[in-house]
């Protein structure tokens, strides 16, 4: 008669670990929304401030999308 193996309970994951486990889908949506927001900022005729920050917003969204595309599905 053999003894059953005793396994320790899995340690609780920290919030940072849980955030890193996000899958590609939600992050791609967020990056797409940031890019679309930048395009809207670029095309609006009301605010020079929004127009000035539109290119930076589009770049941030594009870099974010590039990074997120390497996340697991």
Protein backbone atom coordinates (compact mmCIF):
# COMPACT_ATOMS: atom_id res chain seq x y z
CA UNK A 1 0.00 0.00 0.00
CA UNK A 2 1.51 3.28 -1.06
CA UNK A 3 1.01 6.65 0.55
CA UNK A 4 -0.86 9.28 -1.49
CA UNK A 5 1.17 12.29 -2.52
CA UNK A 6 0.49 15.45 -0.60
CA UNK A 7 0.56 18.60 -2.68
CA UNK A 8 0.70 22.10 -1.33
CA UNK A 9 -2.11 24.45 -2.29
CA UNK A 10 -1.31 26.82 -5.13
CA UNK A 11 -0.10 30.20 -3.89
CA UNK A 12 -2.42 33.16 -4.40
CA UNK A 13 -1.53 35.25 -7.40
CA UNK A 14 -0.80 38.92 -6.98
CA UNK A 15 -2.77 41.59 -8.81
CA UNK A 16 0.17 42.23 -11.14
CA UNK A 17 0.28 38.56 -12.12
CA UNK A 18 -3.45 38.54 -12.77
CA UNK A 19 -3.18 41.64 -14.96
CA UNK A 20 -0.39 40.06 -16.99
CA UNK A 21 -2.63 37.10 -17.74
CA UNK A 22 -4.98 39.19 -19.86
CA UNK A 23 -5.49 37.67 -23.23
CA UNK A 24 -5.02 39.38 -26.55
CA UNK A 25 -8.69 40.18 -27.21
CA UNK A 26 -9.43 42.92 -24.64
CA UNK A 27 -6.05 44.58 -25.12
CA UNK A 28 -6.48 44.65 -28.92
CA UNK A 29 -9.88 46.30 -28.49
CA UNK A 30 -8.34 48.94 -26.22
CA UNK A 31 -5.51 49.64 -28.66
CA UNK A 32 -7.99 49.91 -31.53
CA UNK A 33 -10.11 52.38 -29.55
CA UNK A 34 -7.01 54.50 -28.80
CA UNK A 35 -6.12 54.57 -32.51
CA UNK A 36 -9.70 55.50 -33.47
CA UNK A 37 -9.72 58.24 -30.83
CA UNK A 38 -6.52 59.65 -32.33
CA UNK A 39 -8.06 59.67 -35.81
CA UNK A 40 -11.16 61.45 -34.51
CA UNK A 41 -8.92 63.99 -32.76
CA UNK A 42 -7.09 64.51 -36.05
CA UNK A 43 -10.24 65.15 -38.08
CA UNK A 44 -12.17 67.41 -35.70
CA UNK A 45 -12.16 71.17 -36.51
CA UNK A 46 -12.77 72.59 -33.02
CA UNK A 47 -9.66 72.30 -30.88
CA UNK A 48 -6.05 72.91 -31.82
CA UNK A 49 -5.00 71.15 -28.60
CA UNK A 50 -6.75 67.91 -29.65
CA UNK A 51 -5.33 68.20 -33.15
CA UNK A 52 -1.83 68.68 -31.73
CA UNK A 53 -2.04 65.53 -29.60
CA UNK A 54 -3.74 63.38 -32.25
CA UNK A 55 -0.54 62.09 -33.84
CA UNK A 56 0.92 61.10 -30.47
CA UNK A 57 -2.32 59.30 -29.62
CA UNK A 58 -2.27 57.37 -32.90
CA UNK A 59 1.38 56.40 -32.32
CA UNK A 60 0.66 55.21 -28.77
CA UNK A 61 -2.25 53.10 -30.02
CA UNK A 62 -0.15 51.64 -32.83
CA UNK A 63 2.75 50.72 -30.53
CA UNK A 64 0.29 49.28 -28.03
CA UNK A 65 -1.35 47.18 -30.78
CA UNK A 66 2.05 45.93 -31.94
CA UNK A 67 3.00 44.84 -28.42
CA UNK A 68 -0.40 43.30 -27.70
CA UNK A 69 -0.32 41.27 -30.90
CA UNK A 70 2.38 39.13 -29.26
CA UNK A 71 0.15 38.21 -26.28
CA UNK A 72 -1.29 34.69 -26.18
CA UNK A 73 -4.84 34.21 -27.43
